[in-house]
Amino acid sequence: MPGLRGKALFAWLLVCVFWGSTYLAIKIGVGVLPPFLFAGLRFVAAGALLFAGALAFGDRVPRRAEDWRRAGIAGVMLLAGGNAFVVWAEQYTPSGVASVFVVTVALWMAFFDSIIPGGSGAIGWRVVTGLLAGFLGTALLVGASPREILAADLRGPIALTCASASWSLGSIYAKRHPTESSPYMTAAIQMLAGGTLVALVGTALGEWGRWHLAGRGAFAMGYLVVFGSIVGYSAYGYALRYASATIVGTYAYVNPVIAVLLGWLILREPITGRMVVAIGLILAAVVWIQFSHKASGVAARRSSADAPSTDDRRPSNSVHHPEAA
C-alpha cells in the first residue's frame, strides 16, 4: 500500500495545517449558530462552489450512477455521521477533551483498514506502537487528564466516539470504493450529499428560528467553507485516494500540534515544556508509523516473492523428476 510522497504528501500536509486551524472556527460558530444547520449549510455551500469550480476547470459530471452512489454513501458517513456530531458535541465538551476523542480517528482507521477486506491486512506491532504513542502525545499536549475525560458531559464523549468511528469507516469505504471522477468532483458530491442530510436534520429540529448569520458566525462559516472544506476536505480526498488509509489517518495527531503552534504564533499563547515534549512525541510517532508501514509493505512483498508459486508446488512430469532418475 503506498505511503505519503509527492502530491499525496502535499495534500496530507494541507489537511494537517488547515484542519488544525478549524477547531477554533468550529467553537466560535457553534457558539452563535445552531449546530446542524451550521455544519450542514457549510458543506452544501462548499460542495456547490467546488462542483462549479471543478466543471469550470474541465471536470465532467459523473456518468455512472455507481459513482454518484459511492460518493453519496461516503459523504453521509464522513460528514453526517462524522463531522456534524463533532460540531454538536463541542456544545458540551471542552475543546481539549474533544481533541483527545477526535484523534482516535487514527486508531479507528488503522483498525478498520486491517479488518475490512482490500486493505493492508493485520497491522504490525510497530504501527500499533506508533498509534498508541501518538494518542498519548496528544493527551499530554492538550493536558486533558483521565479525570477530566471521565467527568465530561456524557453527550459529548459518546457523540465524539461515534463521530470518529463513522468518519474512519467512511474513509475506508471511500478508499475501497473509488469513483471514476476526479478527487475534486467526488469531494463536491460527498459534501453536497452529507451537508444536505445534516441540514435536513437541522430543519426537522427547528433550528431555522435560531439561524442568524452575522458577525462571528459569518466569519466562522466563511473560513470553514473555504479552508476547512474546499481546501482541506478536497486535499483529504486526494491523499486518501493515493496513500494508505492508516498513514493518512495520522493527520488527526498533527491537527492539535498545528492548533497549538498557531495559538503561539498568532495569539501569543505560551508553550510549556510539557507541550514541547508532547509535540516531539507526536511528530516522532507519525514518522515512526510512516516508516513502519513501509517496512511492513516491503516485508510482505518479500514474503510473497519468496513463497513458491502454484506451478512450483505442483509435481513435475519432467523426465528429470528425482523419482525418475
C-alpha atoms as a PDB file:
ATOM      1  CA  MET A   1       0.000   0.000   0.000  1.00  0.00           C
ATOM      2  CA  PRO A   2       1.577   3.323  -1.000  1.00  0.00           C
ATOM      3  CA  GLY A   3       2.841   5.755   1.616  1.00  0.00           C
ATOM      4  CA  LEU A   4       2.892   9.537   1.645  1.00  0.00           C
ATOM      5  CA  ARG A   5       5.000  11.048  -1.089  1.00  0.00           C
ATOM      6  CA  GLY A   6       4.759  13.619  -3.845  1.00  0.00           C
ATOM      7  CA  LYS A   7       1.338  15.213  -4.295  1.00  0.00           C
ATOM      8  CA  ALA A   8      -0.252  12.894  -1.719  1.00  0.00           C
ATOM      9  CA  LEU A   9       2.231  14.128   0.902  1.00  0.00           C
ATOM     10  CA  PHE A  10       1.497  17.756  -0.013  1.00  0.00           C
ATOM     11  CA  ALA A  11      -2.249  17.099   0.249  1.00  0.00           C
ATOM     12  CA  TRP A  12      -1.772  15.457   3.664  1.00  0.00           C
ATOM     13  CA  LEU A  13       0.194  18.489   4.861  1.00  0.00           C
ATOM     14  CA  LEU A  14      -2.626  20.772   3.716  1.00  0.00           C
ATOM     15  CA  VAL A  15      -5.063  18.673   5.753  1.00  0.00           C
ATOM     16  CA  CYS A  16      -2.828  18.914   8.819  1.00  0.00           C
ATOM     17  CA  VAL A  17      -2.455  22.688   8.574  1.00  0.00           C
ATOM     18  CA  PHE A  18      -5.983  23.737   7.663  1.00  0.00           C
ATOM     19  CA  TRP A  19      -7.879  21.222   9.782  1.00  0.00           C
ATOM     20  CA  GLY A  20      -5.599  22.073  12.669  1.00  0.00           C
ATOM     21  CA  SER A  21      -6.891  25.646  12.401  1.00  0.00           C
ATOM     22  CA  THR A  22     -10.592  24.736  12.271  1.00  0.00           C
ATOM     23  CA  TYR A  23     -11.019  23.792  15.953  1.00  0.00           C
ATOM     24  CA  LEU A  24     -11.333  27.450  16.929  1.00  0.00           C
ATOM     25  CA  ALA A  25     -13.606  28.310  13.995  1.00  0.00           C
ATOM     26  CA  ILE A  26     -15.989  25.467  14.881  1.00  0.00           C
ATOM     27  CA  LYS A  27     -16.026  26.531  18.535  1.00  0.00           C
ATOM     28  CA  ILE A  28     -16.821  30.128  17.529  1.00  0.00           C
ATOM     29  CA  GLY A  29     -19.512  29.105  15.058  1.00  0.00           C
ATOM     30  CA  VAL A  30     -21.347  26.663  17.301  1.00  0.00           C
ATOM     31  CA  GLY A  31     -21.468  29.329  19.988  1.00  0.00           C
ATOM     32  CA  VAL A  32     -23.716  31.577  17.884  1.00  0.00           C
ATOM     33  CA  LEU A  33     -25.280  29.271  15.273  1.00  0.00           C
ATOM     34  CA  PRO A  34     -27.435  26.128  15.628  1.00  0.00           C
ATOM     35  CA  PRO A  35     -25.129  23.117  15.227  1.00  0.00           C
ATOM     36  CA  PHE A  36     -26.737  21.025  12.490  1.00  0.00           C
ATOM     37  CA  LEU A  37     -27.593  23.912  10.178  1.00  0.00           C
ATOM     38  CA  PHE A  38     -24.124  25.322  10.791  1.00  0.00           C
ATOM     39  CA  ALA A  39     -22.470  22.032   9.847  1.00  0.00           C
ATOM     40  CA  GLY A  40     -24.857  21.149   7.024  1.00  0.00           C
ATOM     41  CA  LEU A  41     -25.023  24.504   5.221  1.00  0.00           C
ATOM     42  CA  ARG A  42     -21.256  24.829   5.449  1.00  0.00           C
ATOM     43  CA  PHE A  43     -20.818  21.691   3.369  1.00  0.00           C
ATOM     44  CA  VAL A  44     -23.682  22.441   0.994  1.00  0.00           C
ATOM     45  CA  ALA A  45     -22.111  25.821   0.197  1.00  0.00           C
ATOM     46  CA  ALA A  46     -18.616  24.358  -0.126  1.00  0.00           C
ATOM     47  CA  GLY A  47     -19.860  21.443  -2.234  1.00  0.00           C
ATOM     48  CA  ALA A  48     -21.732  23.739  -4.624  1.00  0.00           C
ATOM     49  CA  LEU A  49     -18.699  26.006  -5.041  1.00  0.00           C
ATOM     50  CA  LEU A  50     -16.319  23.090  -5.560  1.00  0.00           C
ATOM     51  CA  PHE A  51     -18.734  21.419  -8.010  1.00  0.00           C
ATOM     52  CA  ALA A  52     -18.933  24.598 -10.088  1.00  0.00           C
ATOM     53  CA  GLY A  53     -15.173  25.074  -9.905  1.00  0.00           C
ATOM     54  CA  ALA A  54     -14.480  21.503 -10.990  1.00  0.00           C
ATOM     55  CA  LEU A  55     -16.748  21.946 -14.006  1.00  0.00           C
ATOM     56  CA  ALA A  56     -15.089  25.249 -14.865  1.00  0.00           C
ATOM     57  CA  PHE A  57     -11.661  23.584 -14.872  1.00  0.00           C
ATOM     58  CA  GLY A  58     -12.759  20.783 -17.184  1.00  0.00           C
ATOM     59  CA  ASP A  59     -14.027  18.007 -14.909  1.00  0.00           C
ATOM     60  CA  ARG A  60     -17.117  16.188 -16.101  1.00  0.00           C
ATOM     61  CA  VAL A  61     -20.232  15.298 -14.172  1.00  0.00           C
ATOM     62  CA  PRO A  62     -20.099  11.569 -13.286  1.00  0.00           C
ATOM     63  CA  ARG A  63     -21.887   9.484 -15.904  1.00  0.00           C
ATOM     64  CA  ARG A  64     -22.162   6.311 -13.877  1.00  0.00           C
ATOM     65  CA  ALA A  65     -24.898   6.017 -11.257  1.00  0.00           C
ATOM     66  CA  GLU A  66     -22.412   3.920  -9.278  1.00  0.00           C
ATOM     67  CA  ASP A  67     -20.116   6.937  -8.882  1.00  0.00           C
ATOM     68  CA  TRP A  68     -22.958   9.073  -7.516  1.00  0.00           C
ATOM     69  CA  ARG A  69     -23.991   6.300  -5.120  1.00  0.00           C
ATOM     70  CA  ARG A  70     -20.477   5.656  -3.823  1.00  0.00           C
ATOM     71  CA  ALA A  71     -19.717   9.343  -3.306  1.00  0.00           C
ATOM     72  CA  GLY A  72     -23.087   9.859  -1.621  1.00  0.00           C
ATOM     73  CA  ILE A  73     -22.617   6.993   0.824  1.00  0.00           C
ATOM     74  CA  ALA A  74     -19.116   8.158   1.703  1.00  0.00           C
ATOM     75  CA  GLY A  75     -20.362  11.716   2.170  1.00  0.00           C
ATOM     76  CA  VAL A  76     -23.082  10.629   4.580  1.00  0.00           C
ATOM     77  CA  MET A  77     -20.675   8.569   6.705  1.00  0.00           C
ATOM     78  CA  LEU A  78     -17.921  11.183   6.659  1.00  0.00           C
ATOM     79  CA  LEU A  79     -19.907  14.370   7.091  1.00  0.00           C
ATOM     80  CA  ALA A  80     -23.326  13.464   8.508  1.00  0.00           C
ATOM     81  CA  GLY A  81     -22.021  10.711  10.774  1.00  0.00           C
ATOM     82  CA  GLY A  82     -18.603  12.224  11.381  1.00  0.00           C
ATOM     83  CA  ASN A  83     -18.188  15.985  11.225  1.00  0.00           C
ATOM     84  CA  ALA A  84     -21.732  17.011  12.185  1.00  0.00           C
ATOM     85  CA  PHE A  85     -21.568  15.205  15.516  1.00  0.00           C
ATOM     86  CA  VAL A  86     -18.186  16.768  16.284  1.00  0.00           C
ATOM     87  CA  VAL A  87     -19.810  20.184  15.843  1.00  0.00           C
ATOM     88  CA  TRP A  88     -22.771  19.154  18.007  1.00  0.00           C
ATOM     89  CA  ALA A  89     -20.521  17.669  20.701  1.00  0.00           C
ATOM     90  CA  GLU A  90     -18.487  20.867  21.096  1.00  0.00           C
ATOM     91  CA  GLN A  91     -21.534  22.412  22.778  1.00  0.00           C
ATOM     92  CA  TYR A  92     -20.966  20.106  25.747  1.00  0.00           C
ATOM     93  CA  THR A  93     -17.269  19.240  25.666  1.00  0.00           C
ATOM     94  CA  PRO A  94     -14.173  21.406  26.261  1.00  0.00           C
ATOM     95  CA  SER A  95     -12.029  21.637  23.144  1.00  0.00           C
ATOM     96  CA  GLY A  96      -9.093  19.909  24.850  1.00  0.00           C
ATOM     97  CA  VAL A  97     -11.171  16.897  25.837  1.00  0.00           C
ATOM     98  CA  ALA A  98     -12.835  16.876  22.407  1.00  0.00           C
ATOM     99  CA  SER A  99      -9.477  16.766  20.637  1.00  0.00           C
ATOM    100  CA  VAL A 100      -8.500  13.613  22.558  1.00  0.00           C
ATOM    101  CA  PHE A 101     -11.585  11.842  21.267  1.00  0.00           C
ATOM    102  CA  VAL A 102     -11.126  13.190  17.734  1.00  0.00           C
ATOM    103  CA  VAL A 103      -7.572  11.854  17.464  1.00  0.00           C
ATOM    104  CA  THR A 104      -8.922   8.342  17.962  1.00  0.00           C
ATOM    105  CA  VAL A 105      -9.709   8.629  14.244  1.00  0.00           C
ATOM    106  CA  ALA A 106      -6.159   7.385  13.641  1.00  0.00           C
ATOM    107  CA  LEU A 107      -6.795   4.318  15.805  1.00  0.00           C
ATOM    108  CA  TRP A 108     -10.215   3.600  14.312  1.00  0.00           C
ATOM    109  CA  MET A 109      -8.889   3.986  10.782  1.00  0.00           C
ATOM    110  CA  ALA A 110      -5.996   1.589  11.374  1.00  0.00           C
ATOM    111  CA  PHE A 111      -8.453  -0.898  12.900  1.00  0.00           C
ATOM    112  CA  PHE A 112     -10.946  -0.759  10.005  1.00  0.00           C
ATOM    113  CA  ASP A 113      -8.118  -0.758   7.466  1.00  0.00           C
ATOM    114  CA  SER A 114      -6.819  -4.017   8.930  1.00  0.00           C
ATOM    115  CA  ILE A 115     -10.107  -5.941   9.212  1.00  0.00           C
ATOM    116  CA  ILE A 116     -12.027  -4.825   6.113  1.00  0.00           C
ATOM    117  CA  PRO A 117     -11.002  -6.806   3.012  1.00  0.00           C
ATOM    118  CA  GLY A 118      -8.932  -4.968   0.447  1.00  0.00           C
ATOM    119  CA  GLY A 119      -6.615  -3.161   2.831  1.00  0.00           C
ATOM    120  CA  SER A 120      -3.172  -3.690   4.228  1.00  0.00           C
ATOM    121  CA  GLY A 121      -4.195  -6.636   6.405  1.00  0.00           C
ATOM    122  CA  ALA A 122      -3.197  -7.064  10.035  1.00  0.00           C
ATOM    123  CA  ILE A 123      -1.206  -4.132  11.398  1.00  0.00           C
ATOM    124  CA  GLY A 124       2.171  -4.949  12.894  1.00  0.00           C
ATOM    125  CA  TRP A 125       3.416  -4.145  16.365  1.00  0.00           C
ATOM    126  CA  ARG A 126       5.455  -1.214  15.047  1.00  0.00           C
ATOM    127  CA  VAL A 127       2.392   0.569  13.678  1.00  0.00           C
ATOM    128  CA  VAL A 128       0.399  -0.195  16.849  1.00  0.00           C
ATOM    129  CA  THR A 129       3.230   1.249  18.969  1.00  0.00           C
ATOM    130  CA  GLY A 130       3.265   4.403  16.858  1.00  0.00           C
ATOM    131  CA  LEU A 131      -0.510   4.826  17.080  1.00  0.00           C
ATOM    132  CA  LEU A 132      -0.510   4.489  20.863  1.00  0.00           C
ATOM    133  CA  ALA A 133       2.446   6.885  21.194  1.00  0.00           C
ATOM    134  CA  GLY A 134       0.639   9.469  19.093  1.00  0.00           C
ATOM    135  CA  PHE A 135      -2.508   9.145  21.201  1.00  0.00           C
ATOM    136  CA  LEU A 136      -0.562   9.555  24.453  1.00  0.00           C
ATOM    137  CA  GLY A 137       1.297  12.523  22.977  1.00  0.00           C
ATOM    138  CA  THR A 138      -1.999  14.232  22.120  1.00  0.00           C
ATOM    139  CA  ALA A 139      -3.389  13.651  25.617  1.00  0.00           C
ATOM    140  CA  LEU A 140      -0.182  15.155  27.032  1.00  0.00           C
ATOM    141  CA  LEU A 141      -0.339  18.096  24.615  1.00  0.00           C
ATOM    142  CA  VAL A 142      -3.876  19.195  25.460  1.00  0.00           C
ATOM    143  CA  GLY A 143      -3.410  18.449  29.159  1.00  0.00           C
ATOM    144  CA  ALA A 144      -6.639  16.511  29.481  1.00  0.00           C
ATOM    145  CA  SER A 145      -6.405  14.185  32.469  1.00  0.00           C
ATOM    146  CA  PRO A 146      -8.325  10.903  32.689  1.00  0.00           C
ATOM    147  CA  ARG A 147     -10.433  12.507  35.434  1.00  0.00           C
ATOM    148  CA  GLU A 148     -11.428  15.385  33.122  1.00  0.00           C
ATOM    149  CA  ILE A 149     -12.306  12.986  30.326  1.00  0.00           C
ATOM    150  CA  LEU A 150     -14.435  10.808  32.606  1.00  0.00           C
ATOM    151  CA  ALA A 151     -16.105  13.846  34.184  1.00  0.00           C
ATOM    152  CA  ALA A 152     -17.117  15.379  30.851  1.00  0.00           C
ATOM    153  CA  ASP A 153     -20.800  15.567  29.900  1.00  0.00           C
ATOM    154  CA  LEU A 154     -21.504  12.094  28.509  1.00  0.00           C
ATOM    155  CA  ARG A 155     -23.306  13.501  25.481  1.00  0.00           C
ATOM    156  CA  GLY A 156     -20.033  14.909  24.197  1.00  0.00           C
ATOM    157  CA  PRO A 157     -17.780  11.839  24.526  1.00  0.00           C
ATOM    158  CA  ILE A 158     -20.454   9.471  23.184  1.00  0.00           C
ATOM    159  CA  ALA A 159     -21.105  11.689  20.162  1.00  0.00           C
ATOM    160  CA  LEU A 160     -17.372  12.161  19.539  1.00  0.00           C
ATOM    161  CA  THR A 161     -16.693   8.426  19.736  1.00  0.00           C
ATOM    162  CA  CYS A 162     -19.476   7.678  17.253  1.00  0.00           C
ATOM    163  CA  ALA A 163     -18.284  10.525  15.029  1.00  0.00           C
ATOM    164  CA  SER A 164     -14.693   9.258  14.962  1.00  0.00           C
ATOM    165  CA  ALA A 165     -15.806   5.710  14.144  1.00  0.00           C
ATOM    166  CA  SER A 166     -18.185   6.908  11.407  1.00  0.00           C
ATOM    167  CA  TRP A 167     -15.542   9.180   9.870  1.00  0.00           C
ATOM    168  CA  SER A 168     -12.992   6.374   9.841  1.00  0.00           C
ATOM    169  CA  LEU A 169     -15.417   3.846   8.380  1.00  0.00           C
ATOM    170  CA  GLY A 170     -16.448   6.356   5.721  1.00  0.00           C
ATOM    171  CA  SER A 171     -12.799   6.942   4.854  1.00  0.00           C
ATOM    172  CA  ILE A 172     -12.179   3.224   4.432  1.00  0.00           C
ATOM    173  CA  TYR A 173     -15.355   2.889   2.353  1.00  0.00           C
ATOM    174  CA  ALA A 174     -14.202   5.715   0.069  1.00  0.00           C
ATOM    175  CA  LYS A 175     -10.779   4.082  -0.207  1.00  0.00           C
ATOM    176  CA  ARG A 176     -12.238   0.668  -1.078  1.00  0.00           C
ATOM    177  CA  HIS A 177     -14.891   2.058  -3.458  1.00  0.00           C
ATOM    178  CA  PRO A 178     -13.188   4.692  -5.622  1.00  0.00           C
ATOM    179  CA  THR A 179     -15.069   6.577  -8.304  1.00  0.00           C
ATOM    180  CA  GLU A 180     -14.003   7.293 -11.856  1.00  0.00           C
ATOM    181  CA  SER A 181     -14.458  11.019 -11.234  1.00  0.00           C
ATOM    182  CA  SER A 182     -11.683  13.386 -10.179  1.00  0.00           C
ATOM    183  CA  PRO A 183     -10.971  13.742  -6.445  1.00  0.00           C
ATOM    184  CA  TYR A 184     -12.452  17.247  -6.564  1.00  0.00           C
ATOM    185  CA  MET A 185     -15.716  16.255  -8.230  1.00  0.00           C
ATOM    186  CA  THR A 186     -16.020  13.315  -5.836  1.00  0.00           C
ATOM    187  CA  ALA A 187     -15.401  15.576  -2.831  1.00  0.00           C
ATOM    188  CA  ALA A 188     -18.029  18.028  -4.084  1.00  0.00           C
ATOM    189  CA  ILE A 189     -20.676  15.300  -4.364  1.00  0.00           C
ATOM    190  CA  GLN A 190     -19.748  13.955  -0.921  1.00  0.00           C
ATOM    191  CA  MET A 191     -20.147  17.402   0.614  1.00  0.00           C
ATOM    192  CA  LEU A 192     -23.474  18.011  -1.133  1.00  0.00           C
ATOM    193  CA  ALA A 193     -24.850  14.638   0.000  1.00  0.00           C
ATOM    194  CA  GLY A 194     -23.646  14.794   3.596  1.00  0.00           C
ATOM    195  CA  GLY A 195     -24.356  18.513   4.000  1.00  0.00           C
ATOM    196  CA  THR A 196     -27.889  18.216   2.649  1.00  0.00           C
ATOM    197  CA  LEU A 197     -28.738  15.406   5.075  1.00  0.00           C
ATOM    198  CA  VAL A 198     -27.359  17.331   8.053  1.00  0.00           C
ATOM    199  CA  ALA A 199     -29.213  20.499   7.005  1.00  0.00           C
ATOM    200  CA  LEU A 200     -32.440  18.493   6.787  1.00  0.00           C
ATOM    201  CA  VAL A 201     -31.847  17.215  10.331  1.00  0.00           C
ATOM    202  CA  GLY A 202     -31.383  20.799  11.492  1.00  0.00           C
ATOM    203  CA  THR A 203     -34.587  21.806   9.712  1.00  0.00           C
ATOM    204  CA  ALA A 204     -36.505  18.952  11.345  1.00  0.00           C
ATOM    205  CA  LEU A 205     -35.216  20.094  14.748  1.00  0.00           C
ATOM    206  CA  GLY A 206     -36.483  23.631  14.138  1.00  0.00           C
ATOM    207  CA  GLU A 207     -33.073  25.292  14.014  1.00  0.00           C
ATOM    208  CA  TRP A 208     -34.013  27.914  11.408  1.00  0.00           C
ATOM    209  CA  GLY A 209     -35.538  30.051  14.152  1.00  0.00           C
ATOM    210  CA  ARG A 210     -32.060  30.465  15.669  1.00  0.00           C
ATOM    211  CA  TRP A 211     -30.214  30.973  12.374  1.00  0.00           C
ATOM    212  CA  HIS A 212     -28.769  34.488  12.193  1.00  0.00           C
ATOM    213  CA  LEU A 213     -25.640  34.603  10.029  1.00  0.00           C
ATOM    214  CA  ALA A 214     -23.704  37.692  11.063  1.00  0.00           C
ATOM    215  CA  GLY A 215     -20.530  38.738  12.827  1.00  0.00           C
ATOM    216  CA  ARG A 216     -18.542  35.893  14.323  1.00  0.00           C
ATOM    217  CA  GLY A 217     -20.884  33.272  12.882  1.00  0.00           C
ATOM    218  CA  ALA A 218     -20.393  34.600   9.345  1.00  0.00           C
ATOM    219  CA  PHE A 219     -16.619  34.631   9.807  1.00  0.00           C
ATOM    220  CA  ALA A 220     -16.600  31.068  11.122  1.00  0.00           C
ATOM    221  CA  MET A 221     -18.843  29.895   8.287  1.00  0.00           C
ATOM    222  CA  GLY A 222     -16.736  31.594   5.595  1.00  0.00           C
ATOM    223  CA  TYR A 223     -13.464  30.284   6.978  1.00  0.00           C
ATOM    224  CA  LEU A 224     -14.737  26.725   7.251  1.00  0.00           C
ATOM    225  CA  VAL A 225     -16.291  26.769   3.772  1.00  0.00           C
ATOM    226  CA  VAL A 226     -13.066  27.905   2.091  1.00  0.00           C
ATOM    227  CA  PHE A 227     -10.250  26.456   4.178  1.00  0.00           C
ATOM    228  CA  GLY A 228     -11.900  23.653   6.121  1.00  0.00           C
ATOM    229  CA  SER A 229     -13.979  22.242   3.259  1.00  0.00           C
ATOM    230  CA  ILE A 230     -12.896  23.336  -0.213  1.00  0.00           C
ATOM    231  CA  VAL A 231      -9.162  23.189   0.540  1.00  0.00           C
ATOM    232  CA  GLY A 232      -8.937  20.773   3.462  1.00  0.00           C
ATOM    233  CA  TYR A 233     -11.602  18.244   2.523  1.00  0.00           C
ATOM    234  CA  SER A 234     -10.527  18.114  -1.127  1.00  0.00           C
ATOM    235  CA  ALA A 235      -6.927  17.561  -0.046  1.00  0.00           C
ATOM    236  CA  TYR A 236      -8.066  14.787   2.313  1.00  0.00           C
ATOM    237  CA  GLY A 237      -9.896  13.017  -0.502  1.00  0.00           C
ATOM    238  CA  TYR A 238      -6.826  13.278  -2.729  1.00  0.00           C
ATOM    239  CA  ALA A 239      -4.442  11.937  -0.073  1.00  0.00           C
ATOM    240  CA  LEU A 240      -6.819   9.089   0.766  1.00  0.00           C
ATOM    241  CA  ARG A 241      -7.061   8.073  -2.874  1.00  0.00           C
ATOM    242  CA  TYR A 242      -3.306   7.795  -3.387  1.00  0.00           C
ATOM    243  CA  ALA A 243      -1.898   6.757   0.014  1.00  0.00           C
ATOM    244  CA  SER A 244      -2.527   4.215   2.755  1.00  0.00           C
ATOM    245  CA  ALA A 245      -5.590   4.980   4.877  1.00  0.00           C
ATOM    246  CA  THR A 246      -3.688   4.119   8.057  1.00  0.00           C
ATOM    247  CA  ILE A 247      -0.986   6.679   7.285  1.00  0.00           C
ATOM    248  CA  VAL A 248      -3.415   9.362   6.089  1.00  0.00           C
ATOM    249  CA  GLY A 249      -5.315   8.943   9.363  1.00  0.00           C
ATOM    250  CA  THR A 250      -2.307  10.235  11.311  1.00  0.00           C
ATOM    251  CA  TYR A 251      -3.385  13.760  10.324  1.00  0.00           C
ATOM    252  CA  ALA A 252      -5.551  13.570  13.459  1.00  0.00           C
ATOM    253  CA  TYR A 253      -2.406  13.570  15.610  1.00  0.00           C
ATOM    254  CA  VAL A 254      -0.883  16.565  13.835  1.00  0.00           C
ATOM    255  CA  ASN A 255      -4.007  18.768  13.963  1.00  0.00           C
ATOM    256  CA  PRO A 256      -3.687  19.594  17.700  1.00  0.00           C
ATOM    257  CA  VAL A 257       0.007  20.370  17.182  1.00  0.00           C
ATOM    258  CA  ILE A 258      -0.874  22.863  14.445  1.00  0.00           C
ATOM    259  CA  ALA A 259      -3.566  24.373  16.662  1.00  0.00           C
ATOM    260  CA  VAL A 260      -1.071  24.900  19.497  1.00  0.00           C
ATOM    261  CA  LEU A 261       1.578  26.365  17.187  1.00  0.00           C
ATOM    262  CA  LEU A 262      -0.919  28.754  15.584  1.00  0.00           C
ATOM    263  CA  GLY A 263      -2.038  29.869  19.036  1.00  0.00           C
ATOM    264  CA  TRP A 264       1.599  30.583  19.892  1.00  0.00           C
ATOM    265  CA  LEU A 265       2.344  32.437  16.634  1.00  0.00           C
ATOM    266  CA  ILE A 266      -0.871  34.442  16.319  1.00  0.00           C
ATOM    267  CA  LEU A 267      -2.321  34.746  19.818  1.00  0.00           C
ATOM    268  CA  ARG A 268       0.988  34.625  21.713  1.00  0.00           C
ATOM    269  CA  GLU A 269      -0.274  31.733  23.800  1.00  0.00           C
ATOM    270  CA  PRO A 270       2.552  30.203  25.875  1.00  0.00           C
ATOM    271  CA  ILE A 271       4.095  26.833  25.042  1.00  0.00           C
ATOM    272  CA  THR A 272       5.229  24.902  28.093  1.00  0.00           C
ATOM    273  CA  GLY A 273       7.910  22.262  28.410  1.00  0.00           C
ATOM    274  CA  ARG A 274       5.163  19.618  28.623  1.00  0.00           C
ATOM    275  CA  MET A 275       3.815  20.784  25.262  1.00  0.00           C
ATOM    276  CA  VAL A 276       7.263  20.633  23.666  1.00  0.00           C
ATOM    277  CA  VAL A 277       7.699  17.032  24.847  1.00  0.00           C
ATOM    278  CA  ALA A 278       4.215  16.161  23.619  1.00  0.00           C
ATOM    279  CA  ILE A 279       4.791  17.726  20.186  1.00  0.00           C
ATOM    280  CA  GLY A 280       8.060  15.820  19.835  1.00  0.00           C
ATOM    281  CA  LEU A 281       6.341  12.569  20.810  1.00  0.00           C
ATOM    282  CA  ILE A 282       3.506  13.122  18.304  1.00  0.00           C
ATOM    283  CA  LEU A 283       5.774  14.004  15.404  1.00  0.00           C
ATOM    284  CA  ALA A 284       8.079  11.079  16.199  1.00  0.00           C
ATOM    285  CA  ALA A 285       5.037   8.771  16.259  1.00  0.00           C
ATOM    286  CA  VAL A 286       3.861   9.981  12.845  1.00  0.00           C
ATOM    287  CA  VAL A 287       7.319   9.446  11.315  1.00  0.00           C
ATOM    288  CA  TRP A 288       7.567   6.049  13.042  1.00  0.00           C
ATOM    289  CA  ILE A 289       4.210   4.953  11.610  1.00  0.00           C
ATOM    290  CA  GLN A 290       5.214   6.096   8.120  1.00  0.00           C
ATOM    291  CA  PHE A 291       8.462   4.102   8.134  1.00  0.00           C
ATOM    292  CA  SER A 292       6.902   1.124   9.946  1.00  0.00           C
ATOM    293  CA  HIS A 293       4.186   0.926   7.318  1.00  0.00           C
ATOM    294  CA  LYS A 294       6.830   0.991   4.579  1.00  0.00           C
ATOM    295  CA  ALA A 295       8.807  -1.738   6.335  1.00  0.00           C
ATOM    296  CA  SER A 296       5.687  -3.890   6.662  1.00  0.00           C
ATOM    297  CA  GLY A 297       4.952  -3.447   2.964  1.00  0.00           C
ATOM    298  CA  VAL A 298       8.497  -4.402   1.962  1.00  0.00           C
ATOM    299  CA  ALA A 299       8.400  -7.471   4.211  1.00  0.00           C
ATOM    300  CA  ALA A 300       5.049  -8.538   2.755  1.00  0.00           C
ATOM    301  CA  ARG A 301       6.334  -8.189  -0.812  1.00  0.00           C
ATOM    302  CA  ARG A 302       9.476 -10.185   0.006  1.00  0.00           C
ATOM    303  CA  SER A 303       7.406 -12.905   1.656  1.00  0.00           C
ATOM    304  CA  SER A 304       5.164 -13.055  -1.385  1.00  0.00           C
ATOM    305  CA  ALA A 305       8.131 -13.202  -3.731  1.00  0.00           C
ATOM    306  CA  ASP A 306       9.829 -15.964  -1.724  1.00  0.00           C
ATOM    307  CA  ALA A 307       6.703 -18.100  -1.464  1.00  0.00           C
ATOM    308  CA  PRO A 308       6.524 -20.924  -4.039  1.00  0.00           C
ATOM    309  CA  SER A 309       4.045 -20.312  -6.804  1.00  0.00           C
ATOM    310  CA  THR A 310       1.231 -22.687  -7.668  1.00  0.00           C
ATOM    311  CA  ASP A 311       3.341 -24.063 -10.508  1.00  0.00           C
ATOM    312  CA  ASP A 312       6.309 -24.580  -8.183  1.00  0.00           C
ATOM    313  CA  ARG A 313       4.197 -26.596  -5.760  1.00  0.00           C
ATOM    314  CA  ARG A 314       2.690 -28.776  -8.496  1.00  0.00           C
ATOM    315  CA  PRO A 315       4.558 -32.100  -9.047  1.00  0.00           C
ATOM    316  CA  SER A 316       6.557 -32.034 -12.269  1.00  0.00           C
ATOM    317  CA  ASN A 317       6.074 -34.575 -15.060  1.00  0.00           C
ATOM    318  CA  SER A 318       9.546 -33.949 -16.459  1.00  0.00           C
ATOM    319  CA  VAL A 319      11.864 -36.931 -17.114  1.00  0.00           C
ATOM    320  CA  HIS A 320      14.293 -35.169 -14.793  1.00  0.00           C
ATOM    321  CA  HIS A 321      11.953 -35.658 -11.810  1.00  0.00           C
ATOM    322  CA  PRO A 322      14.034 -37.108  -8.943  1.00  0.00           C
ATOM    323  CA  GLU A 323      11.943 -40.260  -8.761  1.00  0.00           C
ATOM    324  CA  ALA A 324      12.698 -40.951 -12.445  1.00  0.00           C
ATOM    325  CA  ALA A 325      16.438 -40.533 -12.137  1.00  0.00           C
END
